[in-house]
PDB file of N, CA and C in Angstrom:
ATOM      1  N   MET A   1     164.348 117.556 119.392  1.00  0.00           N
ATOM      2  CA  MET A   1     163.384 117.949 118.286  1.00  0.00           C
ATOM      3  C   MET A   1     164.177 118.564 117.107  1.00  0.00           C
ATOM      4  N   GLU A   2     165.131 119.388 117.442  1.00  0.00           N
ATOM      5  CA  GLU A   2     165.782 120.147 116.376  1.00  0.00           C
ATOM      6  C   GLU A   2     166.620 119.130 115.563  1.00  0.00           C
ATOM      7  N   ASN A   3     167.128 118.072 116.242  1.00  0.00           N
ATOM      8  CA  ASN A   3     167.891 117.051 115.544  1.00  0.00           C
ATOM      9  C   ASN A   3     166.994 116.306 114.493  1.00  0.00           C
ATOM     10  N   ILE A   4     165.840 115.992 114.862  1.00  0.00           N
ATOM     11  CA  ILE A   4     164.873 115.298 114.028  1.00  0.00           C
ATOM     12  C   ILE A   4     164.590 116.180 112.764  1.00  0.00           C
ATOM     13  N   ILE A   5     164.240 117.446 113.026  1.00  0.00           N
ATOM     14  CA  ILE A   5     164.015 118.386 111.926  1.00  0.00           C
ATOM     15  C   ILE A   5     165.158 118.506 110.978  1.00  0.00           C
ATOM     16  N   GLU A   6     166.403 118.617 111.576  1.00  0.00           N
ATOM     17  CA  GLU A   6     167.597 118.740 110.766  1.00  0.00           C
ATOM     18  C   GLU A   6     167.857 117.461 109.943  1.00  0.00           C
ATOM     19  N   GLN A   7     167.589 116.280 110.551  1.00  0.00           N
ATOM     20  CA  GLN A   7     167.792 115.035 109.802  1.00  0.00           C
ATOM     21  C   GLN A   7     166.817 114.915 108.607  1.00  0.00           C
ATOM     22  N   ILE A   8     165.581 115.341 108.865  1.00  0.00           N
ATOM     23  CA  ILE A   8     164.504 115.321 107.784  1.00  0.00           C
ATOM     24  C   ILE A   8     164.974 116.240 106.586  1.00  0.00           C
ATOM     25  N   TYR A   9     165.439 117.418 106.960  1.00  0.00           N
ATOM     26  CA  TYR A   9     165.825 118.374 105.933  1.00  0.00           C
ATOM     27  C   TYR A   9     167.063 117.990 105.165  1.00  0.00           C
ATOM     28  N   SER A  10     168.000 117.258 105.912  1.00  0.00           N
ATOM     29  CA  SER A  10     169.260 116.903 105.278  1.00  0.00           C
ATOM     30  C   SER A  10     169.173 115.609 104.374  1.00  0.00           C
ATOM     31  N   ASN A  11     168.161 114.775 104.592  1.00  0.00           N
ATOM     32  CA  ASN A  11     168.102 113.554 103.819  1.00  0.00           C
ATOM     33  C   ASN A  11     166.942 113.634 102.888  1.00  0.00           C
ATOM     34  N   PRO A  12     167.067 113.508 101.602  1.00  0.00           N
ATOM     35  CA  PRO A  12     165.990 113.692 100.655  1.00  0.00           C
ATOM     36  C   PRO A  12     164.865 112.585 100.759  1.00  0.00           C
ATOM     37  N   VAL A  13     165.334 111.357 101.223  1.00  0.00           N
ATOM     38  CA  VAL A  13     164.277 110.255 101.416  1.00  0.00           C
ATOM     39  C   VAL A  13     163.336 110.639 102.538  1.00  0.00           C
ATOM     40  N   TYR A  14     163.948 111.062 103.659  1.00  0.00           N
ATOM     41  CA  TYR A  14     163.137 111.456 104.832  1.00  0.00           C
ATOM     42  C   TYR A  14     162.206 112.653 104.430  1.00  0.00           C
ATOM     43  N   MET A  15     162.744 113.585 103.607  1.00  0.00           N
ATOM     44  CA  MET A  15     161.974 114.747 103.183  1.00  0.00           C
ATOM     45  C   MET A  15     160.786 114.300 102.365  1.00  0.00           C
ATOM     46  N   ALA A  16     161.071 113.299 101.473  1.00  0.00           N
ATOM     47  CA  ALA A  16     159.897 112.823 100.636  1.00  0.00           C
ATOM     48  C   ALA A  16     158.877 112.164 101.511  1.00  0.00           C
ATOM     49  N   ILE A  17     159.321 111.333 102.468  1.00  0.00           N
ATOM     50  CA  ILE A  17     158.344 110.616 103.348  1.00  0.00           C
ATOM     51  C   ILE A  17     157.537 111.723 104.105  1.00  0.00           C
ATOM     52  N   ALA A  18     158.182 112.689 104.651  1.00  0.00           N
ATOM     53  CA  ALA A  18     157.514 113.769 105.412  1.00  0.00           C
ATOM     54  C   ALA A  18     156.496 114.522 104.497  1.00  0.00           C
ATOM     55  N   VAL A  19     156.863 114.790 103.250  1.00  0.00           N
ATOM     56  CA  VAL A  19     155.950 115.443 102.341  1.00  0.00           C
ATOM     57  C   VAL A  19     154.757 114.587 102.058  1.00  0.00           C
ATOM     58  N   ILE A  20     154.932 113.235 101.814  1.00  0.00           N
ATOM     59  CA  ILE A  20     153.852 112.337 101.581  1.00  0.00           C
ATOM     60  C   ILE A  20     152.929 112.227 102.699  1.00  0.00           C
ATOM     61  N   LEU A  21     153.499 112.113 103.952  1.00  0.00           N
ATOM     62  CA  LEU A  21     152.683 112.034 105.136  1.00  0.00           C
ATOM     63  C   LEU A  21     151.857 113.269 105.340  1.00  0.00           C
ATOM     64  N   GLY A  22     152.511 114.452 105.071  1.00  0.00           N
ATOM     65  CA  GLY A  22     151.752 115.739 105.179  1.00  0.00           C
ATOM     66  C   GLY A  22     150.617 115.763 104.235  1.00  0.00           C
ATOM     67  N   LEU A  23     150.839 115.416 102.946  1.00  0.00           N
ATOM     68  CA  LEU A  23     149.805 115.383 101.894  1.00  0.00           C
ATOM     69  C   LEU A  23     148.665 114.415 102.306  1.00  0.00           C
ATOM     70  N   LEU A  24     149.009 113.290 102.862  1.00  0.00           N
ATOM     71  CA  LEU A  24     147.982 112.359 103.276  1.00  0.00           C
ATOM     72  C   LEU A  24     147.076 112.866 104.341  1.00  0.00           C
ATOM     73  N   MET A  25     147.737 113.593 105.262  1.00  0.00           N
ATOM     74  CA  MET A  25     146.999 114.230 106.395  1.00  0.00           C
ATOM     75  C   MET A  25     146.044 115.334 105.854  1.00  0.00           C
ATOM     76  N   VAL A  26     146.504 116.148 104.957  1.00  0.00           N
ATOM     77  CA  VAL A  26     145.725 117.207 104.371  1.00  0.00           C
ATOM     78  C   VAL A  26     144.559 116.560 103.545  1.00  0.00           C
ATOM     79  N   TYR A  27     144.877 115.591 102.750  1.00  0.00           N
ATOM     80  CA  TYR A  27     143.828 114.849 101.992  1.00  0.00           C
ATOM     81  C   TYR A  27     142.716 114.249 102.889  1.00  0.00           C
ATOM     82  N   GLY A  28     143.188 113.620 103.986  1.00  0.00           N
ATOM     83  CA  GLY A  28     142.200 113.159 104.982  1.00  0.00           C
ATOM     84  C   GLY A  28     141.325 114.126 105.605  1.00  0.00           C
ATOM     85  N   ILE A  29     141.856 115.280 105.980  1.00  0.00           N
ATOM     86  CA  ILE A  29     141.085 116.335 106.535  1.00  0.00           C
ATOM     87  C   ILE A  29     140.164 116.890 105.528  1.00  0.00           C
ATOM     88  N   VAL A  30     140.545 117.192 104.338  1.00  0.00           N
ATOM     89  CA  VAL A  30     139.693 117.700 103.238  1.00  0.00           C
ATOM     90  C   VAL A  30     138.547 116.743 102.982  1.00  0.00           C
ATOM     91  N   LYS A  31     138.927 115.481 102.954  1.00  0.00           N
ATOM     92  CA  LYS A  31     137.895 114.419 102.666  1.00  0.00           C
ATOM     93  C   LYS A  31     136.792 114.411 103.769  1.00  0.00           C
ATOM     94  N   ARG A  32     137.213 114.509 104.961  1.00  0.00           N
ATOM     95  CA  ARG A  32     136.229 114.572 106.066  1.00  0.00           C
ATOM     96  C   ARG A  32     135.322 115.832 106.005  1.00  0.00           C
ATOM     97  N   ILE A  33     135.989 116.835 105.659  1.00  0.00           N
ATOM     98  CA  ILE A  33     135.172 118.151 105.602  1.00  0.00           C
ATOM     99  C   ILE A  33     134.220 118.044 104.546  1.00  0.00           C
ATOM    100  N   ILE A  34     134.660 117.506 103.285  1.00  0.00           N
ATOM    101  CA  ILE A  34     133.665 117.330 102.186  1.00  0.00           C
ATOM    102  C   ILE A  34     132.473 116.383 102.574  1.00  0.00           C
ATOM    103  N   LYS A  35     132.825 115.311 103.350  1.00  0.00           N
ATOM    104  CA  LYS A  35     131.716 114.423 103.750  1.00  0.00           C
ATOM    105  C   LYS A  35     130.752 115.112 104.679  1.00  0.00           C
ATOM    106  N   LEU A  36     131.286 115.946 105.614  1.00  0.00           N
ATOM    107  CA  LEU A  36     130.499 116.650 106.533  1.00  0.00           C
ATOM    108  C   LEU A  36     129.517 117.656 105.766  1.00  0.00           C
ATOM    109  N   VAL A  37     130.107 118.403 104.831  1.00  0.00           N
ATOM    110  CA  VAL A  37     129.344 119.322 104.036  1.00  0.00           C
ATOM    111  C   VAL A  37     128.179 118.556 103.258  1.00  0.00           C
ATOM    112  N   ILE A  38     128.528 117.429 102.654  1.00  0.00           N
ATOM    113  CA  ILE A  38     127.527 116.708 101.899  1.00  0.00           C
ATOM    114  C   ILE A  38     126.472 116.249 102.888  1.00  0.00           C
ATOM    115  N   PHE A  39     126.830 115.738 104.022  1.00  0.00           N
ATOM    116  CA  PHE A  39     125.844 115.203 105.004  1.00  0.00           C
ATOM    117  C   PHE A  39     124.916 116.319 105.438  1.00  0.00           C
ATOM    118  N   ILE A  40     125.417 117.435 105.863  1.00  0.00           N
ATOM    119  CA  ILE A  40     124.634 118.632 106.183  1.00  0.00           C
ATOM    120  C   ILE A  40     123.713 118.983 105.049  1.00  0.00           C
ATOM    121  N   GLY A  41     124.181 119.034 103.855  1.00  0.00           N
ATOM    122  CA  GLY A  41     123.287 119.342 102.699  1.00  0.00           C
ATOM    123  C   GLY A  41     122.165 118.392 102.566  1.00  0.00           C
ATOM    124  N   ILE A  42     122.427 117.129 102.686  1.00  0.00           N
ATOM    125  CA  ILE A  42     121.405 116.114 102.583  1.00  0.00           C
ATOM    126  C   ILE A  42     120.417 116.240 103.725  1.00  0.00           C
ATOM    127  N   VAL A  43     120.850 116.483 104.968  1.00  0.00           N
ATOM    128  CA  VAL A  43     119.901 116.715 106.019  1.00  0.00           C
ATOM    129  C   VAL A  43     119.006 117.921 105.782  1.00  0.00           C
ATOM    130  N   LEU A  44     119.608 118.993 105.311  1.00  0.00           N
ATOM    131  CA  LEU A  44     118.776 120.231 105.004  1.00  0.00           C
ATOM    132  C   LEU A  44     117.799 120.023 103.895  1.00  0.00           C
ATOM    133  N   VAL A  45     118.158 119.264 102.904  1.00  0.00           N
ATOM    134  CA  VAL A  45     117.232 118.940 101.779  1.00  0.00           C
ATOM    135  C   VAL A  45     116.065 117.998 102.369  1.00  0.00           C
ATOM    136  N   LEU A  46     116.444 117.013 103.170  1.00  0.00           N
ATOM    137  CA  LEU A  46     115.309 116.202 103.800  1.00  0.00           C
ATOM    138  C   LEU A  46     114.473 117.043 104.741  1.00  0.00           C
ATOM    139  N   TYR A  47     115.020 117.984 105.399  1.00  0.00           N
ATOM    140  CA  TYR A  47     114.270 118.912 106.209  1.00  0.00           C
ATOM    141  C   TYR A  47     113.219 119.718 105.362  1.00  0.00           C
ATOM    142  N   VAL A  48     113.684 120.246 104.270  1.00  0.00           N
ATOM    143  CA  VAL A  48     112.831 120.997 103.422  1.00  0.00           C
ATOM    144  C   VAL A  48     111.710 120.097 102.868  1.00  0.00           C
ATOM    145  N   VAL A  49     112.071 118.955 102.419  1.00  0.00           N
ATOM    146  CA  VAL A  49     111.071 117.884 101.995  1.00  0.00           C
ATOM    147  C   VAL A  49     110.041 117.632 102.987  1.00  0.00           C
ATOM    148  N   TYR A  50     110.456 117.475 104.248  1.00  0.00           N
ATOM    149  CA  TYR A  50     109.596 117.178 105.392  1.00  0.00           C
ATOM    150  C   TYR A  50     108.720 118.382 105.577  1.00  0.00           C
ATOM    151  N   LEU A  51     109.159 119.584 105.523  1.00  0.00           N
ATOM    152  CA  LEU A  51     108.364 120.789 105.682  1.00  0.00           C
ATOM    153  C   LEU A  51     107.274 120.830 104.564  1.00  0.00           C
ATOM    154  N   ASN A  52     107.696 120.536 103.372  1.00  0.00           N
ATOM    155  CA  ASN A  52     106.694 120.543 102.240  1.00  0.00           C
ATOM    156  C   ASN A  52     105.675 119.482 102.469  1.00  0.00           C
ATOM    157  N   TYR A  53     106.107 118.304 102.873  1.00  0.00           N
ATOM    158  CA  TYR A  53     105.193 117.143 103.093  1.00  0.00           C
ATOM    159  C   TYR A  53     104.125 117.386 104.137  1.00  0.00           C
ATOM    160  N   THR A  54     104.575 118.064 105.226  1.00  0.00           N
ATOM    161  CA  THR A  54     103.694 118.324 106.360  1.00  0.00           C
ATOM    162  C   THR A  54     102.896 119.635 106.104  1.00  0.00           C
ATOM    163  N   GLY A  55     103.024 120.319 105.057  1.00  0.00           N
ATOM    164  CA  GLY A  55     102.428 121.585 104.716  1.00  0.00           C
ATOM    165  C   GLY A  55     102.885 122.799 105.436  1.00  0.00           C
ATOM    166  N   GLN A  56     104.030 122.683 105.966  1.00  0.00           N
ATOM    167  CA  GLN A  56     104.598 123.891 106.753  1.00  0.00           C
ATOM    168  C   GLN A  56     105.282 124.814 105.782  1.00  0.00           C
ATOM    169  N   GLU A  57     105.487 126.080 106.193  1.00  0.00           N
ATOM    170  CA  GLU A  57     106.171 127.085 105.313  1.00  0.00           C
ATOM    171  C   GLU A  57     107.708 126.734 105.385  1.00  0.00           C
ATOM    172  N   VAL A  58     108.299 126.786 104.197  1.00  0.00           N
ATOM    173  CA  VAL A  58     109.716 126.574 104.089  1.00  0.00           C
ATOM    174  C   VAL A  58     110.410 127.940 104.337  1.00  0.00           C
ATOM    175  N   PRO A  59     111.307 127.953 105.291  1.00  0.00           N
ATOM    176  CA  PRO A  59     112.001 129.251 105.638  1.00  0.00           C
ATOM    177  C   PRO A  59     112.719 129.841 104.463  1.00  0.00           C
ATOM    178  N   ALA A  60     112.668 131.158 104.282  1.00  0.00           N
ATOM    179  CA  ALA A  60     113.317 131.864 103.193  1.00  0.00           C
ATOM    180  C   ALA A  60     114.756 132.302 103.584  1.00  0.00           C
ATOM    181  N   THR A  61     114.942 132.637 104.828  1.00  0.00           N
ATOM    182  CA  THR A  61     116.298 133.111 105.261  1.00  0.00           C
ATOM    183  C   THR A  61     116.948 132.115 106.157  1.00  0.00           C
ATOM    184  N   THR A  62     118.178 132.364 106.431  1.00  0.00           N
ATOM    185  CA  THR A  62     118.870 131.434 107.310  1.00  0.00           C
ATOM    186  C   THR A  62     118.382 131.598 108.787  1.00  0.00           C
ATOM    187  N   GLU A  63     118.020 132.863 109.180  1.00  0.00           N
ATOM    188  CA  GLU A  63     117.507 133.090 110.528  1.00  0.00           C
ATOM    189  C   GLU A  63     116.206 132.321 110.696  1.00  0.00           C
ATOM    190  N   GLU A  64     115.294 132.365 109.677  1.00  0.00           N
ATOM    191  CA  GLU A  64     114.029 131.587 109.747  1.00  0.00           C
ATOM    192  C   GLU A  64     114.335 130.117 109.867  1.00  0.00           C
ATOM    193  N   LEU A  65     115.338 129.710 109.092  1.00  0.00           N
ATOM    194  CA  LEU A  65     115.701 128.255 109.084  1.00  0.00           C
ATOM    195  C   LEU A  65     116.147 127.826 110.415  1.00  0.00           C
ATOM    196  N   LYS A  66     117.010 128.617 111.037  1.00  0.00           N
ATOM    197  CA  LYS A  66     117.533 128.324 112.421  1.00  0.00           C
ATOM    198  C   LYS A  66     116.368 128.244 113.371  1.00  0.00           C
ATOM    199  N   LYS A  67     115.466 129.175 113.350  1.00  0.00           N
ATOM    200  CA  LYS A  67     114.326 129.290 114.215  1.00  0.00           C
ATOM    201  C   LYS A  67     113.480 128.050 114.007  1.00  0.00           C
ATOM    202  N   SER A  68     113.198 127.720 112.787  1.00  0.00           N
ATOM    203  CA  SER A  68     112.271 126.598 112.442  1.00  0.00           C
ATOM    204  C   SER A  68     112.929 125.249 112.922  1.00  0.00           C
ATOM    205  N   VAL A  69     114.203 125.121 112.727  1.00  0.00           N
ATOM    206  CA  VAL A  69     114.952 123.853 113.143  1.00  0.00           C
ATOM    207  C   VAL A  69     114.885 123.792 114.670  1.00  0.00           C
ATOM    208  N   THR A  70     115.143 124.917 115.387  1.00  0.00           N
ATOM    209  CA  THR A  70     115.126 124.944 116.852  1.00  0.00           C
ATOM    210  C   THR A  70     113.784 124.560 117.335  1.00  0.00           C
ATOM    211  N   GLU A  71     112.686 125.177 116.741  1.00  0.00           N
ATOM    212  CA  GLU A  71     111.356 124.787 117.199  1.00  0.00           C
ATOM    213  C   GLU A  71     111.047 123.357 117.017  1.00  0.00           C
ATOM    214  N   ASN A  72     111.358 122.808 115.814  1.00  0.00           N
ATOM    215  CA  ASN A  72     111.061 121.397 115.545  1.00  0.00           C
ATOM    216  C   ASN A  72     111.828 120.413 116.416  1.00  0.00           C
ATOM    217  N   VAL A  73     113.200 120.817 116.735  1.00  0.00           N
ATOM    218  CA  VAL A  73     113.945 119.983 117.688  1.00  0.00           C
ATOM    219  C   VAL A  73     113.350 119.993 119.089  1.00  0.00           C
ATOM    220  N   GLU A  74     112.819 121.165 119.521  1.00  0.00           N
ATOM    221  CA  GLU A  74     112.175 121.243 120.795  1.00  0.00           C
ATOM    222  C   GLU A  74     110.893 120.332 120.806  1.00  0.00           C
ATOM    223  N   LYS A  75     110.132 120.384 119.722  1.00  0.00           N
ATOM    224  CA  LYS A  75     108.921 119.490 119.613  1.00  0.00           C
ATOM    225  C   LYS A  75     109.328 118.044 119.674  1.00  0.00           C
ATOM    226  N   VAL A  76     110.354 117.652 119.084  1.00  0.00           N
ATOM    227  CA  VAL A  76     110.822 116.256 119.003  1.00  0.00           C
ATOM    228  C   VAL A  76     111.304 115.892 120.454  1.00  0.00           C
ATOM    229  N   LYS A  77     112.011 116.770 121.061  1.00  0.00           N
ATOM    230  CA  LYS A  77     112.457 116.537 122.494  1.00  0.00           C
ATOM    231  C   LYS A  77     111.299 116.320 123.356  1.00  0.00           C
ATOM    232  N   GLU A  78     110.345 117.217 123.231  1.00  0.00           N
ATOM    233  CA  GLU A  78     109.108 117.120 124.158  1.00  0.00           C
ATOM    234  C   GLU A  78     108.346 115.780 123.923  1.00  0.00           C
ATOM    235  N   THR A  79     108.179 115.477 122.624  1.00  0.00           N
ATOM    236  CA  THR A  79     107.434 114.224 122.282  1.00  0.00           C
ATOM    237  C   THR A  79     108.267 113.042 122.817  1.00  0.00           C
ATOM    238  N   ALA A  80     109.503 113.022 122.651  1.00  0.00           N
ATOM    239  CA  ALA A  80     110.366 111.900 123.138  1.00  0.00           C
ATOM    240  C   ALA A  80     110.208 111.820 124.688  1.00  0.00           C
ATOM    241  N   ARG A  81     110.286 112.936 125.328  1.00  0.00           N
ATOM    242  CA  ARG A  81     110.172 113.012 126.822  1.00  0.00           C
ATOM    243  C   ARG A  81     108.856 112.361 127.259  1.00  0.00           C
ATOM    244  N   GLU A  82     107.719 112.761 126.522  1.00  0.00           N
ATOM    245  CA  GLU A  82     106.408 112.248 126.835  1.00  0.00           C
ATOM    246  C   GLU A  82     106.428 110.702 126.691  1.00  0.00           C
ATOM    247  N   VAL A  83     106.877 110.276 125.582  1.00  0.00           N
ATOM    248  CA  VAL A  83     106.879 108.827 125.293  1.00  0.00           C
ATOM    249  C   VAL A  83     107.690 108.088 126.290  1.00  0.00           C
ATOM    250  N   MET A  84     108.859 108.622 126.620  1.00  0.00           N
ATOM    251  CA  MET A  84     109.719 107.952 127.690  1.00  0.00           C
ATOM    252  C   MET A  84     109.015 107.893 129.000  1.00  0.00           C
ATOM    253  N   ASP A  85     108.335 109.000 129.400  1.00  0.00           N
ATOM    254  CA  ASP A  85     107.639 109.019 130.691  1.00  0.00           C
ATOM    255  C   ASP A  85     106.525 107.950 130.693  1.00  0.00           C
ATOM    256  N   GLU A  86     105.768 107.859 129.590  1.00  0.00           N
ATOM    257  CA  GLU A  86     104.759 106.846 129.458  1.00  0.00           C
ATOM    258  C   GLU A  86     105.333 105.407 129.574  1.00  0.00           C
ATOM    259  N   LYS A  87     106.424 105.166 128.928  1.00  0.00           N
ATOM    260  CA  LYS A  87     107.015 103.806 128.941  1.00  0.00           C
ATOM    261  C   LYS A  87     107.561 103.508 130.333  1.00  0.00           C
ATOM    262  N   VAL A  88     108.167 104.454 130.955  1.00  0.00           N
ATOM    263  CA  VAL A  88     108.690 104.252 132.350  1.00  0.00           C
ATOM    264  C   VAL A  88     107.491 103.987 133.308  1.00  0.00           C
ATOM    265  N   LYS A  89     106.485 104.723 133.126  1.00  0.00           N
ATOM    266  CA  LYS A  89     105.285 104.473 134.013  1.00  0.00           C
ATOM    267  C   LYS A  89     104.749 103.106 133.771  1.00  0.00           C
ATOM    268  N   ALA A  90     104.581 102.702 132.514  1.00  0.00           N
ATOM    269  CA  ALA A  90     103.997 101.408 132.202  1.00  0.00           C
ATOM    270  C   ALA A  90     104.973 100.315 132.697  1.00  0.00           C
ATOM    271  N   ALA A  91     106.200 100.420 132.612  1.00  0.00           N
ATOM    272  CA  ALA A  91     107.160  99.408 133.153  1.00  0.00           C
ATOM    273  C   ALA A  91     107.123  99.377 134.588  1.00  0.00           C
ATOM    274  N   LYS A  92     107.013 100.534 135.252  1.00  0.00           N
ATOM    275  CA  LYS A  92     106.942 100.572 136.713  1.00  0.00           C
ATOM    276  C   LYS A  92     105.614  99.854 137.220  1.00  0.00           C
ATOM    277  N   ASP A  93     104.520 100.157 136.515  1.00  0.00           N
ATOM    278  CA  ASP A  93     103.310  99.546 136.956  1.00  0.00           C
ATOM    279  C   ASP A  93     103.348  98.032 136.777  1.00  0.00           C
ATOM    280  N   GLU A  94     103.925  97.576 135.607  1.00  0.00           N
ATOM    281  CA  GLU A  94     104.027  96.169 135.369  1.00  0.00           C
ATOM    282  C   GLU A  94     104.979  95.467 136.445  1.00  0.00           C
ATOM    283  N   LEU A  95     106.074  96.128 136.798  1.00  0.00           N
ATOM    284  CA  LEU A  95     106.982  95.597 137.733  1.00  0.00           C
ATOM    285  C   LEU A  95     106.259  95.521 139.140  1.00  0.00           C
ATOM    286  N   LEU A  96     105.500  96.552 139.531  1.00  0.00           N
ATOM    287  CA  LEU A  96     104.736  96.495 140.784  1.00  0.00           C
ATOM    288  C   LEU A  96     103.762  95.360 140.863  1.00  0.00           C
ATOM    289  N   GLU A  97     103.079  95.126 139.666  1.00  0.00           N
ATOM    290  CA  GLU A  97     102.080  94.037 139.669  1.00  0.00           C
ATOM    291  C   GLU A  97     102.790  92.695 139.820  1.00  0.00           C
ATOM    292  N   GLU A  98     103.980  92.526 139.174  1.00  0.00           N
ATOM    293  CA  GLU A  98     104.708  91.265 139.256  1.00  0.00           C
ATOM    294  C   GLU A  98     105.216  91.086 140.797  1.00  0.00           C
ATOM    295  N   LEU A  99     105.599  92.208 141.383  1.00  0.00           N
ATOM    296  CA  LEU A  99     106.101  92.103 142.746  1.00  0.00           C
ATOM    297  C   LEU A  99     104.935  91.708 143.705  1.00  0.00           C
ATOM    298  N   GLU A 100     103.757  92.277 143.499  1.00  0.00           N
ATOM    299  CA  GLU A 100     102.584  91.941 144.327  1.00  0.00           C
ATOM    300  C   GLU A 100     102.271  90.457 144.109  1.00  0.00           C
ATOM    301  N   GLU A 101     102.229  89.952 142.923  1.00  0.00           N
ATOM    302  CA  GLU A 101     101.939  88.492 142.700  1.00  0.00           C
ATOM    303  C   GLU A 101     102.902  87.635 143.364  1.00  0.00           C
ATOM    304  N   LYS A 102     104.160  87.941 143.285  1.00  0.00           N
ATOM    305  CA  LYS A 102     105.259  87.156 143.935  1.00  0.00           C
ATOM    306  C   LYS A 102     105.166  87.214 145.490  1.00  0.00           C
ATOM    307  N   SER A 103     104.822  88.412 146.032  1.00  0.00           N
ATOM    308  CA  SER A 103     104.676  88.549 147.471  1.00  0.00           C
ATOM    309  C   SER A 103     103.525  87.719 147.888  1.00  0.00           C
ATOM    310  N   LYS A 104     102.410  87.686 147.163  1.00  0.00           N
ATOM    311  CA  LYS A 104     101.243  86.926 147.502  1.00  0.00           C
ATOM    312  C   LYS A 104     101.636  85.407 147.516  1.00  0.00           C
ATOM    313  N   THR A 105     102.347  85.012 146.463  1.00  0.00           N
ATOM    314  CA  THR A 105     102.819  83.661 146.407  1.00  0.00           C
ATOM    315  C   THR A 105     103.724  83.210 147.558  1.00  0.00           C
ATOM    316  N   LEU A 106     104.540  84.107 147.939  1.00  0.00           N
ATOM    317  CA  LEU A 106     105.488  83.838 149.103  1.00  0.00           C
ATOM    318  C   LEU A 106     104.655  83.774 150.390  1.00  0.00           C
ATOM    319  N   LYS A 107     103.712  84.666 150.529  1.00  0.00           N
ATOM    320  CA  LYS A 107     102.938  84.599 151.716  1.00  0.00           C
ATOM    321  C   LYS A 107     102.124  83.290 151.832  1.00  0.00           C
ATOM    322  N   GLU A 108     101.572  82.851 150.742  1.00  0.00           N
ATOM    323  CA  GLU A 108     100.743  81.600 150.668  1.00  0.00           C
ATOM    324  C   GLU A 108     101.712  80.437 150.954  1.00  0.00           C
ATOM    325  N   ASN A 109     102.894  80.444 150.491  1.00  0.00           N
ATOM    326  CA  ASN A 109     103.830  79.353 150.720  1.00  0.00           C
ATOM    327  C   ASN A 109     104.360  79.338 152.187  1.00  0.00           C
ATOM    328  N   LEU A 110     104.515  80.466 152.779  1.00  0.00           N
ATOM    329  CA  LEU A 110     105.060  80.564 154.141  1.00  0.00           C
ATOM    330  C   LEU A 110     103.916  80.291 155.166  1.00  0.00           C
ATOM    331  N   ASN A 111     102.755  80.643 154.806  1.00  0.00           N
ATOM    332  CA  ASN A 111     101.613  80.362 155.811  1.00  0.00           C
ATOM    333  C   ASN A 111     100.627  79.360 155.201  1.00  0.00           C
ATOM    334  N   PRO A 112     100.843  78.092 155.427  1.00  0.00           N
ATOM    335  CA  PRO A 112     100.024  77.153 154.845  1.00  0.00           C
ATOM    336  C   PRO A 112      98.675  76.972 155.525  1.00  0.00           C
TER     337      PRO A 112
END
């Protein structure tokens, strides 16, 4: 490892390549952080628009915002859970009906 570092420092071409690679890495990290900040900003703006559209109070402080987001996420989770339970029950009932029909058909075919 020390040999590699020594070679990089001793050769200007290697040093230039190392600096360029370092700058590219820093640029990539900064670019991703900026994209993340922009995405979070857009999500927050959409959330405020949603609150205004539904007639709910827009939070004034960050604590109120956190509480409001948490409450709404819990509502969405509960609604999704209810919908999934309904769909699973409907699929289960449909499957049982199909199985009953097929078992009747098999009984009729086996007992002429």
